[in-house]
Structure formats: structure tokens, C-alpha cells
Amino acid sequence: MIRRALPAAAAAVLFVTSPGLAHSLLLESSPAAEATLAASPAQLRLRFNNRIEKRLSRITLLDERGTPQALTIAVADGGAERLTAAVPPLAPGAYRVEWHVLSSDGHVVSGSFGFRLAR
């Protein structure tokens, strides 16, 4: 009887604790992934599904040549699940945003997406 109860109890513990241990997922961005913009964005905004540690997060913007430019995150802006960074004026072309955040479960999560500035 005990042997049968242990697997069920372990599964129940995993089910109950899983939502609290979820990695951060990017829910939305501005500019949006794969968007084509008519003008250079003044800011880059990212919203995640849970709280992130802003001071330990970073955003890098890469141009068509792959030249990286680290963006400064405005720590005081937005909620605990949002990152905002000022963007310098951009020339027309393709860009890739790479982000790295410390998730509320203690894991570092990374991702990227692209957008284009029309010529």
C-alpha cells in the first residue's frame, strides 16, 4: 500500500510546486517580434510572465553586421515583470534583441527576437 502511495504523493508535490518554479517567459515586446517599423523606436519594452530581477538582467541590441550594443535597463520603470531600455537612434536595417533575465525561480533565462527598421 505504501509503495503505491509514494509515486502518487511525489506526483502531487510536483504538480503543486511547478507553477511557483516556472521560468520567465517573454509575453510581449515593443517593438513586436518580426515587426517592420517606419521610425526608430525610442524605447524597448519587454513583459514577462512573472517577476524578474531587473538589476541582474540585460538587453543587447545587434545590428545587421552582428555588432552588439548593450542597452541600459531603467530599473525604476514598470512593474516587476517588465524591462524598459532607451534605444539610440537607429539606421534602417535588421536588428536582433537578445535578453537575459534572472527568473523568480533563480534560473537565468535567455531569448531573442528580431525587428526591422524600414529604409
PDB file of N, CA and C in Angstrom:
ATOM      1  N   MET A   1       0.827  -1.191   0.000  1.00  0.00           N
ATOM      2  CA  MET A   1       0.000   0.000   0.000  1.00  0.00           C
ATOM      3  C   MET A   1       0.868   1.249   0.000  1.00  0.00           C
ATOM      4  N   ILE A   2       1.920   1.263   0.849  1.00  0.00           N
ATOM      5  CA  ILE A   2       2.786   2.426   0.925  1.00  0.00           C
ATOM      6  C   ILE A   2       3.537   2.619  -0.393  1.00  0.00           C
ATOM      7  N   ARG A   3       3.943   1.530  -1.022  1.00  0.00           N
ATOM      8  CA  ARG A   3       4.661   1.631  -2.292  1.00  0.00           C
ATOM      9  C   ARG A   3       3.807   2.284  -3.368  1.00  0.00           C
ATOM     10  N   ARG A   4       2.529   2.073  -3.333  1.00  0.00           N
ATOM     11  CA  ARG A   4       1.627   2.678  -4.315  1.00  0.00           C
ATOM     12  C   ARG A   4       1.365   4.145  -3.995  1.00  0.00           C
ATOM     13  N   ALA A   5       1.367   4.502  -2.744  1.00  0.00           N
ATOM     14  CA  ALA A   5       1.064   5.870  -2.334  1.00  0.00           C
ATOM     15  C   ALA A   5       2.221   6.829  -2.605  1.00  0.00           C
ATOM     16  N   LEU A   6       3.455   6.339  -2.520  1.00  0.00           N
ATOM     17  CA  LEU A   6       4.614   7.222  -2.714  1.00  0.00           C
ATOM     18  C   LEU A   6       4.665   7.854  -4.101  1.00  0.00           C
ATOM     19  N   PRO A   7       4.516   7.114  -5.198  1.00  0.00           N
ATOM     20  CA  PRO A   7       4.538   7.768  -6.511  1.00  0.00           C
ATOM     21  C   PRO A   7       3.415   8.796  -6.671  1.00  0.00           C
ATOM     22  N   ALA A   8       2.249   8.498  -6.144  1.00  0.00           N
ATOM     23  CA  ALA A   8       1.139   9.449  -6.233  1.00  0.00           C
ATOM     24  C   ALA A   8       1.431  10.703  -5.428  1.00  0.00           C
ATOM     25  N   ALA A   9       2.017  10.541  -4.250  1.00  0.00           N
ATOM     26  CA  ALA A   9       2.361  11.709  -3.420  1.00  0.00           C
ATOM     27  C   ALA A   9       3.442  12.547  -4.095  1.00  0.00           C
ATOM     28  N   ALA A  10       4.445  11.900  -4.686  1.00  0.00           N
ATOM     29  CA  ALA A  10       5.510  12.630  -5.383  1.00  0.00           C
ATOM     30  C   ALA A  10       4.948  13.403  -6.566  1.00  0.00           C
ATOM     31  N   ALA A  11       4.055  12.803  -7.323  1.00  0.00           N
ATOM     32  CA  ALA A  11       3.432  13.487  -8.452  1.00  0.00           C
ATOM     33  C   ALA A  11       2.615  14.682  -7.984  1.00  0.00           C
ATOM     34  N   ALA A  12       1.924  14.533  -6.875  1.00  0.00           N
ATOM     35  CA  ALA A  12       1.128  15.644  -6.338  1.00  0.00           C
ATOM     36  C   ALA A  12       2.018  16.802  -5.915  1.00  0.00           C
ATOM     37  N   VAL A  13       3.147  16.514  -5.284  1.00  0.00           N
ATOM     38  CA  VAL A  13       4.076  17.570  -4.872  1.00  0.00           C
ATOM     39  C   VAL A  13       4.603  18.300  -6.095  1.00  0.00           C
ATOM     40  N   LEU A  14       4.996  17.575  -7.135  1.00  0.00           N
ATOM     41  CA  LEU A  14       5.498  18.214  -8.351  1.00  0.00           C
ATOM     42  C   LEU A  14       4.424  19.074  -8.998  1.00  0.00           C
ATOM     43  N   PHE A  15       3.204  18.604  -9.022  1.00  0.00           N
ATOM     44  CA  PHE A  15       2.111  19.356  -9.622  1.00  0.00           C
ATOM     45  C   PHE A  15       1.850  20.646  -8.849  1.00  0.00           C
ATOM     46  N   VAL A  16       1.854  20.583  -7.541  1.00  0.00           N
ATOM     47  CA  VAL A  16       1.568  21.754  -6.705  1.00  0.00           C
ATOM     48  C   VAL A  16       2.705  22.766  -6.762  1.00  0.00           C
ATOM     49  N   THR A  17       3.956  22.325  -6.793  1.00  0.00           N
ATOM     50  CA  THR A  17       5.081  23.260  -6.750  1.00  0.00           C
ATOM     51  C   THR A  17       5.498  23.765  -8.121  1.00  0.00           C
ATOM     52  N   SER A  18       5.097  23.136  -9.191  1.00  0.00           N
ATOM     53  CA  SER A  18       5.526  23.540 -10.524  1.00  0.00           C
ATOM     54  C   SER A  18       5.206  24.985 -10.879  1.00  0.00           C
ATOM     55  N   PRO A  19       3.999  25.520 -10.661  1.00  0.00           N
ATOM     56  CA  PRO A  19       3.727  26.901 -11.042  1.00  0.00           C
ATOM     57  C   PRO A  19       4.651  27.898 -10.360  1.00  0.00           C
ATOM     58  N   GLY A  20       5.048  27.653  -9.139  1.00  0.00           N
ATOM     59  CA  GLY A  20       5.938  28.565  -8.439  1.00  0.00           C
ATOM     60  C   GLY A  20       7.360  28.515  -8.958  1.00  0.00           C
ATOM     61  N   LEU A  21       7.702  27.470  -9.681  1.00  0.00           N
ATOM     62  CA  LEU A  21       9.056  27.309 -10.185  1.00  0.00           C
ATOM     63  C   LEU A  21       9.151  27.567 -11.689  1.00  0.00           C
ATOM     64  N   ALA A  22       8.156  28.214 -12.249  1.00  0.00           N
ATOM     65  CA  ALA A  22       8.135  28.442 -13.693  1.00  0.00           C
ATOM     66  C   ALA A  22       9.223  29.423 -14.111  1.00  0.00           C
ATOM     67  N   HIS A  23       9.906  29.097 -15.205  1.00  0.00           N
ATOM     68  CA  HIS A  23      10.889  30.016 -15.772  1.00  0.00           C
ATOM     69  C   HIS A  23      10.164  31.220 -16.365  1.00  0.00           C
ATOM     70  N   SER A  24      10.882  32.326 -16.476  1.00  0.00           N
ATOM     71  CA  SER A  24      10.305  33.524 -17.088  1.00  0.00           C
ATOM     72  C   SER A  24      10.130  33.312 -18.585  1.00  0.00           C
ATOM     73  N   LEU A  25       8.960  33.662 -19.065  1.00  0.00           N
ATOM     74  CA  LEU A  25       8.642  33.594 -20.484  1.00  0.00           C
ATOM     75  C   LEU A  25       8.332  34.998 -20.971  1.00  0.00           C
ATOM     76  N   LEU A  26       8.853  35.367 -22.128  1.00  0.00           N
ATOM     77  CA  LEU A  26       8.541  36.658 -22.715  1.00  0.00           C
ATOM     78  C   LEU A  26       7.123  36.607 -23.267  1.00  0.00           C
ATOM     79  N   LEU A  27       6.245  37.472 -22.754  1.00  0.00           N
ATOM     80  CA  LEU A  27       4.855  37.505 -23.203  1.00  0.00           C
ATOM     81  C   LEU A  27       4.637  38.502 -24.333  1.00  0.00           C
ATOM     82  N   GLU A  28       5.313  39.651 -24.246  1.00  0.00           N
ATOM     83  CA  GLU A  28       5.165  40.647 -25.306  1.00  0.00           C
ATOM     84  C   GLU A  28       6.367  41.573 -25.321  1.00  0.00           C
ATOM     85  N   SER A  29       6.563  42.197 -26.467  1.00  0.00           N
ATOM     86  CA  SER A  29       7.663  43.145 -26.612  1.00  0.00           C
ATOM     87  C   SER A  29       7.223  44.307 -27.474  1.00  0.00           C
ATOM     88  N   SER A  30       7.896  45.417 -27.277  1.00  0.00           N
ATOM     89  CA  SER A  30       7.697  46.590 -28.116  1.00  0.00           C
ATOM     90  C   SER A  30       9.079  47.134 -28.434  1.00  0.00           C
ATOM     91  N   PRO A  31       9.502  47.072 -29.700  1.00  0.00           N
ATOM     92  CA  PRO A  31       8.741  46.613 -30.852  1.00  0.00           C
ATOM     93  C   PRO A  31       8.454  45.112 -30.778  1.00  0.00           C
ATOM     94  N   ALA A  32       7.399  44.730 -31.484  1.00  0.00           N
ATOM     95  CA  ALA A  32       6.991  43.330 -31.506  1.00  0.00           C
ATOM     96  C   ALA A  32       7.979  42.507 -32.322  1.00  0.00           C
ATOM     97  N   ALA A  33       8.076  41.238 -32.010  1.00  0.00           N
ATOM     98  CA  ALA A  33       8.940  40.317 -32.753  1.00  0.00           C
ATOM     99  C   ALA A  33       8.548  40.318 -34.218  1.00  0.00           C
ATOM    100  N   GLU A  34       9.552  40.425 -35.070  1.00  0.00           N
ATOM    101  CA  GLU A  34       9.421  40.395 -36.532  1.00  0.00           C
ATOM    102  C   GLU A  34       8.660  41.591 -37.105  1.00  0.00           C
ATOM    103  N   ALA A  35       8.483  42.653 -36.333  1.00  0.00           N
ATOM    104  CA  ALA A  35       7.794  43.864 -36.818  1.00  0.00           C
ATOM    105  C   ALA A  35       8.692  44.636 -37.774  1.00  0.00           C
ATOM    106  N   THR A  36       8.071  45.360 -38.689  1.00  0.00           N
ATOM    107  CA  THR A  36       8.778  46.314 -39.541  1.00  0.00           C
ATOM    108  C   THR A  36       8.300  47.696 -39.133  1.00  0.00           C
ATOM    109  N   LEU A  37       9.233  48.532 -38.703  1.00  0.00           N
ATOM    110  CA  LEU A  37       8.917  49.857 -38.191  1.00  0.00           C
ATOM    111  C   LEU A  37       9.257  50.927 -39.215  1.00  0.00           C
ATOM    112  N   ALA A  38       8.477  52.007 -39.206  1.00  0.00           N
ATOM    113  CA  ALA A  38       8.733  53.138 -40.101  1.00  0.00           C
ATOM    114  C   ALA A  38       9.750  54.098 -39.493  1.00  0.00           C
ATOM    115  N   ALA A  39       9.863  54.099 -38.161  1.00  0.00           N
ATOM    116  CA  ALA A  39      10.777  55.011 -37.472  1.00  0.00           C
ATOM    117  C   ALA A  39      11.490  54.267 -36.357  1.00  0.00           C
ATOM    118  N   SER A  40      12.633  54.780 -35.965  1.00  0.00           N
ATOM    119  CA  SER A  40      13.415  54.184 -34.888  1.00  0.00           C
ATOM    120  C   SER A  40      12.639  54.252 -33.577  1.00  0.00           C
ATOM    121  N   PRO A  41      12.561  53.146 -32.827  1.00  0.00           N
ATOM    122  CA  PRO A  41      11.848  53.186 -31.546  1.00  0.00           C
ATOM    123  C   PRO A  41      12.666  53.950 -30.504  1.00  0.00           C
ATOM    124  N   ALA A  42      11.995  54.690 -29.655  1.00  0.00           N
ATOM    125  CA  ALA A  42      12.675  55.428 -28.585  1.00  0.00           C
ATOM    126  C   ALA A  42      13.009  54.507 -27.418  1.00  0.00           C
ATOM    127  N   GLN A  43      12.189  53.465 -27.241  1.00  0.00           N
ATOM    128  CA  GLN A  43      12.369  52.533 -26.128  1.00  0.00           C
ATOM    129  C   GLN A  43      12.152  51.111 -26.589  1.00  0.00           C
ATOM    130  N   LEU A  44      12.727  50.211 -25.829  1.00  0.00           N
ATOM    131  CA  LEU A  44      12.480  48.788 -25.987  1.00  0.00           C
ATOM    132  C   LEU A  44      11.807  48.341 -24.704  1.00  0.00           C
ATOM    133  N   ARG A  45      10.665  47.659 -24.809  1.00  0.00           N
ATOM    134  CA  ARG A  45       9.935  47.200 -23.625  1.00  0.00           C
ATOM    135  C   ARG A  45       9.669  45.705 -23.750  1.00  0.00           C
ATOM    136  N   LEU A  46       9.946  44.997 -22.668  1.00  0.00           N
ATOM    137  CA  LEU A  46       9.709  43.560 -22.600  1.00  0.00           C
ATOM    138  C   LEU A  46       8.836  43.265 -21.388  1.00  0.00           C
ATOM    139  N   ARG A  47       7.845  42.376 -21.573  1.00  0.00           N
ATOM    140  CA  ARG A  47       6.985  41.960 -20.455  1.00  0.00           C
ATOM    141  C   ARG A  47       7.034  40.443 -20.344  1.00  0.00           C
ATOM    142  N   PHE A  48       7.305  39.971 -19.124  1.00  0.00           N
ATOM    143  CA  PHE A  48       7.436  38.546 -18.848  1.00  0.00           C
ATOM    144  C   PHE A  48       6.242  38.034 -18.049  1.00  0.00           C
ATOM    145  N   ASN A  49       6.134  36.722 -17.922  1.00  0.00           N
ATOM    146  CA  ASN A  49       5.002  36.119 -17.222  1.00  0.00           C
ATOM    147  C   ASN A  49       5.149  36.139 -15.701  1.00  0.00           C
ATOM    148  N   ASN A  50       6.318  36.522 -15.198  1.00  0.00           N
ATOM    149  CA  ASN A  50       6.485  36.593 -13.751  1.00  0.00           C
ATOM    150  C   ASN A  50       7.578  37.605 -13.405  1.00  0.00           C
ATOM    151  N   ARG A  51       7.780  37.762 -12.142  1.00  0.00           N
ATOM    152  CA  ARG A  51       8.761  38.720 -11.620  1.00  0.00           C
ATOM    153  C   ARG A  51      10.179  38.338 -12.057  1.00  0.00           C
ATOM    154  N   ILE A  52      10.950  39.345 -12.441  1.00  0.00           N
ATOM    155  CA  ILE A  52      12.349  39.144 -12.790  1.00  0.00           C
ATOM    156  C   ILE A  52      13.208  40.106 -11.975  1.00  0.00           C
ATOM    157  N   GLU A  53      14.472  39.792 -11.855  1.00  0.00           N
ATOM    158  CA  GLU A  53      15.406  40.647 -11.125  1.00  0.00           C
ATOM    159  C   GLU A  53      16.034  41.615 -12.135  1.00  0.00           C
ATOM    160  N   LYS A  54      15.539  42.849 -12.161  1.00  0.00           N
ATOM    161  CA  LYS A  54      15.976  43.825 -13.157  1.00  0.00           C
ATOM    162  C   LYS A  54      17.469  44.123 -13.080  1.00  0.00           C
ATOM    163  N   ARG A  55      17.990  44.236 -11.884  1.00  0.00           N
ATOM    164  CA  ARG A  55      19.410  44.601 -11.724  1.00  0.00           C
ATOM    165  C   ARG A  55      20.356  43.522 -12.255  1.00  0.00           C
ATOM    166  N   LEU A  56      19.874  42.306 -12.390  1.00  0.00           N
ATOM    167  CA  LEU A  56      20.703  41.205 -12.880  1.00  0.00           C
ATOM    168  C   LEU A  56      20.309  40.776 -14.294  1.00  0.00           C
ATOM    169  N   SER A  57      19.523  41.607 -14.957  1.00  0.00           N
ATOM    170  CA  SER A  57      19.065  41.316 -16.312  1.00  0.00           C
ATOM    171  C   SER A  57      19.810  42.203 -17.304  1.00  0.00           C
ATOM    172  N   ARG A  58      19.818  41.775 -18.570  1.00  0.00           N
ATOM    173  CA  ARG A  58      20.453  42.609 -19.582  1.00  0.00           C
ATOM    174  C   ARG A  58      19.756  42.454 -20.928  1.00  0.00           C
ATOM    175  N   ILE A  59      19.878  43.515 -21.726  1.00  0.00           N
ATOM    176  CA  ILE A  59      19.336  43.530 -23.076  1.00  0.00           C
ATOM    177  C   ILE A  59      20.456  44.009 -23.998  1.00  0.00           C
ATOM    178  N   THR A  60      20.664  43.291 -25.089  1.00  0.00           N
ATOM    179  CA  THR A  60      21.659  43.668 -26.084  1.00  0.00           C
ATOM    180  C   THR A  60      20.959  43.799 -27.432  1.00  0.00           C
ATOM    181  N   LEU A  61      21.294  44.853 -28.163  1.00  0.00           N
ATOM    182  CA  LEU A  61      20.747  45.090 -29.492  1.00  0.00           C
ATOM    183  C   LEU A  61      21.869  44.866 -30.498  1.00  0.00           C
ATOM    184  N   LEU A  62      21.627  44.009 -31.491  1.00  0.00           N
ATOM    185  CA  LEU A  62      22.629  43.724 -32.520  1.00  0.00           C
ATOM    186  C   LEU A  62      22.127  44.209 -33.869  1.00  0.00           C
ATOM    187  N   ASP A  63      23.011  44.857 -34.637  1.00  0.00           N
ATOM    188  CA  ASP A  63      22.624  45.320 -35.967  1.00  0.00           C
ATOM    189  C   ASP A  63      22.825  44.200 -36.987  1.00  0.00           C
ATOM    190  N   GLU A  64      22.661  44.527 -38.277  1.00  0.00           N
ATOM    191  CA  GLU A  64      22.772  43.519 -39.341  1.00  0.00           C
ATOM    192  C   GLU A  64      24.139  42.849 -39.394  1.00  0.00           C
ATOM    193  N   ARG A  65      25.162  43.563 -38.997  1.00  0.00           N
ATOM    194  CA  ARG A  65      26.524  43.014 -39.012  1.00  0.00           C
ATOM    195  C   ARG A  65      26.822  42.192 -37.765  1.00  0.00           C
ATOM    196  N   GLY A  66      25.911  42.208 -36.805  1.00  0.00           N
ATOM    197  CA  GLY A  66      26.130  41.491 -35.555  1.00  0.00           C
ATOM    198  C   GLY A  66      26.845  42.311 -34.510  1.00  0.00           C
ATOM    199  N   THR A  67      26.975  43.611 -34.766  1.00  0.00           N
ATOM    200  CA  THR A  67      27.636  44.493 -33.806  1.00  0.00           C
ATOM    201  C   THR A  67      26.719  44.688 -32.598  1.00  0.00           C
ATOM    202  N   PRO A  68      27.171  44.304 -31.398  1.00  0.00           N
ATOM    203  CA  PRO A  68      26.310  44.417 -30.209  1.00  0.00           C
ATOM    204  C   PRO A  68      26.374  45.803 -29.579  1.00  0.00           C
ATOM    205  N   GLN A  69      25.245  46.184 -29.021  1.00  0.00           N
ATOM    206  CA  GLN A  69      25.162  47.411 -28.238  1.00  0.00           C
ATOM    207  C   GLN A  69      24.330  47.092 -26.995  1.00  0.00           C
ATOM    208  N   ALA A  70      24.950  47.163 -25.823  1.00  0.00           N
ATOM    209  CA  ALA A  70      24.230  46.910 -24.576  1.00  0.00           C
ATOM    210  C   ALA A  70      23.320  48.093 -24.294  1.00  0.00           C
ATOM    211  N   LEU A  71      22.088  47.815 -23.933  1.00  0.00           N
ATOM    212  CA  LEU A  71      21.130  48.860 -23.581  1.00  0.00           C
ATOM    213  C   LEU A  71      21.017  48.937 -22.064  1.00  0.00           C
ATOM    214  N   THR A  72      20.868  50.137 -21.550  1.00  0.00           N
ATOM    215  CA  THR A  72      20.746  50.338 -20.107  1.00  0.00           C
ATOM    216  C   THR A  72      19.296  50.168 -19.692  1.00  0.00           C
ATOM    217  N   ILE A  73      19.062  49.259 -18.772  1.00  0.00           N
ATOM    218  CA  ILE A  73      17.706  48.984 -18.285  1.00  0.00           C
ATOM    219  C   ILE A  73      17.323  50.032 -17.248  1.00  0.00           C
ATOM    220  N   ALA A  74      16.130  50.603 -17.414  1.00  0.00           N
ATOM    221  CA  ALA A  74      15.602  51.566 -16.447  1.00  0.00           C
ATOM    222  C   ALA A  74      14.996  50.766 -15.295  1.00  0.00           C
ATOM    223  N   VAL A  75      15.733  50.609 -14.229  1.00  0.00           N
ATOM    224  CA  VAL A  75      15.342  49.741 -13.117  1.00  0.00           C
ATOM    225  C   VAL A  75      14.052  50.207 -12.454  1.00  0.00           C
ATOM    226  N   ALA A  76      13.820  51.498 -12.366  1.00  0.00           N
ATOM    227  CA  ALA A  76      12.644  52.025 -11.670  1.00  0.00           C
ATOM    228  C   ALA A  76      11.380  51.995 -12.527  1.00  0.00           C
ATOM    229  N   ASP A  77      11.494  51.771 -13.825  1.00  0.00           N
ATOM    230  CA  ASP A  77      10.330  51.816 -14.721  1.00  0.00           C
ATOM    231  C   ASP A  77       9.557  50.504 -14.726  1.00  0.00           C
ATOM    232  N   GLY A  78       8.234  50.614 -14.745  1.00  0.00           N
ATOM    233  CA  GLY A  78       7.374  49.457 -14.922  1.00  0.00           C
ATOM    234  C   GLY A  78       7.306  48.545 -13.725  1.00  0.00           C
ATOM    235  N   GLY A  79       6.498  47.505 -13.870  1.00  0.00           N
ATOM    236  CA  GLY A  79       6.315  46.517 -12.820  1.00  0.00           C
ATOM    237  C   GLY A  79       7.494  45.570 -12.728  1.00  0.00           C
ATOM    238  N   ALA A  80       7.414  44.678 -11.768  1.00  0.00           N
ATOM    239  CA  ALA A  80       8.493  43.727 -11.508  1.00  0.00           C
ATOM    240  C   ALA A  80       8.652  42.705 -12.636  1.00  0.00           C
ATOM    241  N   GLU A  81       7.698  42.633 -13.548  1.00  0.00           N
ATOM    242  CA  GLU A  81       7.771  41.690 -14.659  1.00  0.00           C
ATOM    243  C   GLU A  81       8.136  42.378 -15.977  1.00  0.00           C
ATOM    244  N   ARG A  82       8.533  43.652 -15.912  1.00  0.00           N
ATOM    245  CA  ARG A  82       8.814  44.425 -17.125  1.00  0.00           C
ATOM    246  C   ARG A  82      10.232  44.976 -17.144  1.00  0.00           C
ATOM    247  N   LEU A  83      10.813  44.992 -18.353  1.00  0.00           N
ATOM    248  CA  LEU A  83      12.097  45.654 -18.582  1.00  0.00           C
ATOM    249  C   LEU A  83      11.882  46.746 -19.615  1.00  0.00           C
ATOM    250  N   THR A  84      12.472  47.910 -19.375  1.00  0.00           N
ATOM    251  CA  THR A  84      12.416  49.028 -20.310  1.00  0.00           C
ATOM    252  C   THR A  84      13.824  49.564 -20.481  1.00  0.00           C
ATOM    253  N   ALA A  85      14.191  49.870 -21.730  1.00  0.00           N
ATOM    254  CA  ALA A  85      15.511  50.429 -22.018  1.00  0.00           C
ATOM    255  C   ALA A  85      15.387  51.454 -23.133  1.00  0.00           C
ATOM    256  N   ALA A  86      16.110  52.557 -22.998  1.00  0.00           N
ATOM    257  CA  ALA A  86      16.154  53.574 -24.056  1.00  0.00           C
ATOM    258  C   ALA A  86      16.950  53.014 -25.229  1.00  0.00           C
ATOM    259  N   VAL A  87      16.523  53.366 -26.446  1.00  0.00           N
ATOM    260  CA  VAL A  87      17.193  52.924 -27.663  1.00  0.00           C
ATOM    261  C   VAL A  87      17.737  54.160 -28.379  1.00  0.00           C
ATOM    262  N   PRO A  88      19.015  54.156 -28.740  1.00  0.00           N
ATOM    263  CA  PRO A  88      19.554  55.291 -29.501  1.00  0.00           C
ATOM    264  C   PRO A  88      18.941  55.308 -30.904  1.00  0.00           C
ATOM    265  N   PRO A  89      19.023  56.414 -31.605  1.00  0.00           N
ATOM    266  CA  PRO A  89      18.503  56.445 -32.982  1.00  0.00           C
ATOM    267  C   PRO A  89      19.162  55.349 -33.829  1.00  0.00           C
ATOM    268  N   LEU A  90      18.336  54.635 -34.568  1.00  0.00           N
ATOM    269  CA  LEU A  90      18.819  53.510 -35.370  1.00  0.00           C
ATOM    270  C   LEU A  90      18.725  53.826 -36.851  1.00  0.00           C
ATOM    271  N   ALA A  91      19.674  53.312 -37.605  1.00  0.00           N
ATOM    272  CA  ALA A  91      19.646  53.409 -39.064  1.00  0.00           C
ATOM    273  C   ALA A  91      18.721  52.319 -39.601  1.00  0.00           C
ATOM    274  N   PRO A  92      18.190  52.484 -40.802  1.00  0.00           N
ATOM    275  CA  PRO A  92      17.372  51.426 -41.392  1.00  0.00           C
ATOM    276  C   PRO A  92      18.148  50.110 -41.467  1.00  0.00           C
ATOM    277  N   GLY A  93      17.434  49.011 -41.309  1.00  0.00           N
ATOM    278  CA  GLY A  93      18.053  47.697 -41.388  1.00  0.00           C
ATOM    279  C   GLY A  93      17.412  46.717 -40.431  1.00  0.00           C
ATOM    280  N   ALA A  94      18.019  45.547 -40.325  1.00  0.00           N
ATOM    281  CA  ALA A  94      17.519  44.475 -39.459  1.00  0.00           C
ATOM    282  C   ALA A  94      18.258  44.519 -38.126  1.00  0.00           C
ATOM    283  N   TYR A  95      17.524  44.247 -37.050  1.00  0.00           N
ATOM    284  CA  TYR A  95      18.084  44.240 -35.699  1.00  0.00           C
ATOM    285  C   TYR A  95      17.627  42.997 -34.967  1.00  0.00           C
ATOM    286  N   ARG A  96      18.463  42.546 -34.029  1.00  0.00           N
ATOM    287  CA  ARG A  96      18.106  41.426 -33.164  1.00  0.00           C
ATOM    288  C   ARG A  96      18.251  41.879 -31.714  1.00  0.00           C
ATOM    289  N   VAL A  97      17.239  41.589 -30.920  1.00  0.00           N
ATOM    290  CA  VAL A  97      17.241  41.874 -29.490  1.00  0.00           C
ATOM    291  C   VAL A  97      17.545  40.571 -28.768  1.00  0.00           C
ATOM    292  N   GLU A  98      18.566  40.591 -27.918  1.00  0.00           N
ATOM    293  CA  GLU A  98      18.888  39.432 -27.079  1.00  0.00           C
ATOM    294  C   GLU A  98      18.689  39.841 -25.634  1.00  0.00           C
ATOM    295  N   TRP A  99      17.948  39.045 -24.887  1.00  0.00           N
ATOM    296  CA  TRP A  99      17.696  39.350 -23.480  1.00  0.00           C
ATOM    297  C   TRP A  99      18.102  38.179 -22.600  1.00  0.00           C
ATOM    298  N   HIS A 100      18.533  38.525 -21.397  1.00  0.00           N
ATOM    299  CA  HIS A 100      18.918  37.552 -20.370  1.00  0.00           C
ATOM    300  C   HIS A 100      18.336  38.077 -19.067  1.00  0.00           C
ATOM    301  N   VAL A 101      17.513  37.273 -18.414  1.00  0.00           N
ATOM    302  CA  VAL A 101      16.894  37.691 -17.159  1.00  0.00           C
ATOM    303  C   VAL A 101      17.081  36.630 -16.090  1.00  0.00           C
ATOM    304  N   LEU A 102      17.107  37.089 -14.846  1.00  0.00           N
ATOM    305  CA  LEU A 102      17.096  36.168 -13.718  1.00  0.00           C
ATOM    306  C   LEU A 102      15.643  35.952 -13.353  1.00  0.00           C
ATOM    307  N   SER A 103      15.180  34.726 -13.523  1.00  0.00           N
ATOM    308  CA  SER A 103      13.793  34.360 -13.280  1.00  0.00           C
ATOM    309  C   SER A 103      13.510  34.275 -11.782  1.00  0.00           C
ATOM    310  N   SER A 104      12.255  34.372 -11.413  1.00  0.00           N
ATOM    311  CA  SER A 104      11.881  34.308  -9.996  1.00  0.00           C
ATOM    312  C   SER A 104      12.209  32.959  -9.365  1.00  0.00           C
ATOM    313  N   ASP A 105      12.427  31.923 -10.187  1.00  0.00           N
ATOM    314  CA  ASP A 105      12.811  30.619  -9.641  1.00  0.00           C
ATOM    315  C   ASP A 105      14.326  30.484  -9.500  1.00  0.00           C
ATOM    316  N   GLY A 106      15.066  31.557  -9.788  1.00  0.00           N
ATOM    317  CA  GLY A 106      16.509  31.554  -9.619  1.00  0.00           C
ATOM    318  C   GLY A 106      17.289  31.142 -10.849  1.00  0.00           C
ATOM    319  N   HIS A 107      16.619  30.842 -11.948  1.00  0.00           N
ATOM    320  CA  HIS A 107      17.299  30.443 -13.179  1.00  0.00           C
ATOM    321  C   HIS A 107      17.477  31.630 -14.121  1.00  0.00           C
ATOM    322  N   VAL A 108      18.586  31.641 -14.836  1.00  0.00           N
ATOM    323  CA  VAL A 108      18.802  32.635 -15.876  1.00  0.00           C
ATOM    324  C   VAL A 108      18.137  32.119 -17.144  1.00  0.00           C
ATOM    325  N   VAL A 109      17.317  32.963 -17.750  1.00  0.00           N
ATOM    326  CA  VAL A 109      16.587  32.603 -18.958  1.00  0.00           C
ATOM    327  C   VAL A 109      16.974  33.601 -20.045  1.00  0.00           C
ATOM    328  N   SER A 110      17.190  33.096 -21.258  1.00  0.00           N
ATOM    329  CA  SER A 110      17.608  33.932 -22.374  1.00  0.00           C
ATOM    330  C   SER A 110      16.668  33.750 -23.550  1.00  0.00           C
ATOM    331  N   GLY A 111      16.652  34.744 -24.411  1.00  0.00           N
ATOM    332  CA  GLY A 111      15.865  34.655 -25.633  1.00  0.00           C
ATOM    333  C   GLY A 111      16.252  35.763 -26.575  1.00  0.00           C
ATOM    334  N   SER A 112      15.698  35.727 -27.762  1.00  0.00           N
ATOM    335  CA  SER A 112      15.966  36.772 -28.741  1.00  0.00           C
ATOM    336  C   SER A 112      14.815  36.860 -29.727  1.00  0.00           C
ATOM    337  N   PHE A 113      14.749  37.990 -30.400  1.00  0.00           N
ATOM    338  CA  PHE A 113      13.786  38.189 -31.481  1.00  0.00           C
ATOM    339  C   PHE A 113      14.322  39.306 -32.368  1.00  0.00           C
ATOM    340  N   GLY A 114      13.783  39.387 -33.566  1.00  0.00           N
ATOM    341  CA  GLY A 114      14.238  40.406 -34.489  1.00  0.00           C
ATOM    342  C   GLY A 114      13.143  41.386 -34.840  1.00  0.00           C
ATOM    343  N   PHE A 115      13.577  42.530 -35.364  1.00  0.00           N
ATOM    344  CA  PHE A 115      12.668  43.501 -35.968  1.00  0.00           C
ATOM    345  C   PHE A 115      13.443  44.241 -37.041  1.00  0.00           C
ATOM    346  N   ARG A 116      12.739  44.962 -37.870  1.00  0.00           N
ATOM    347  CA  ARG A 116      13.362  45.672 -38.995  1.00  0.00           C
ATOM    348  C   ARG A 116      12.909  47.121 -38.990  1.00  0.00           C
ATOM    349  N   LEU A 117      13.848  47.991 -39.324  1.00  0.00           N
ATOM    350  CA  LEU A 117      13.558  49.411 -39.494  1.00  0.00           C
ATOM    351  C   LEU A 117      13.565  49.658 -40.995  1.00  0.00           C
ATOM    352  N   ALA A 118      12.422  50.093 -41.541  1.00  0.00           N
ATOM    353  CA  ALA A 118      12.276  50.259 -42.993  1.00  0.00           C
ATOM    354  C   ALA A 118      13.250  51.298 -43.532  1.00  0.00           C
ATOM    355  N   ARG A 119      13.653  51.089 -44.763  1.00  0.00           N
ATOM    356  CA  ARG A 119      14.591  52.017 -45.430  1.00  0.00           C
ATOM    357  C   ARG A 119      13.865  53.187 -46.021  1.00  0.00           C
TER     358      ARG A 119
END
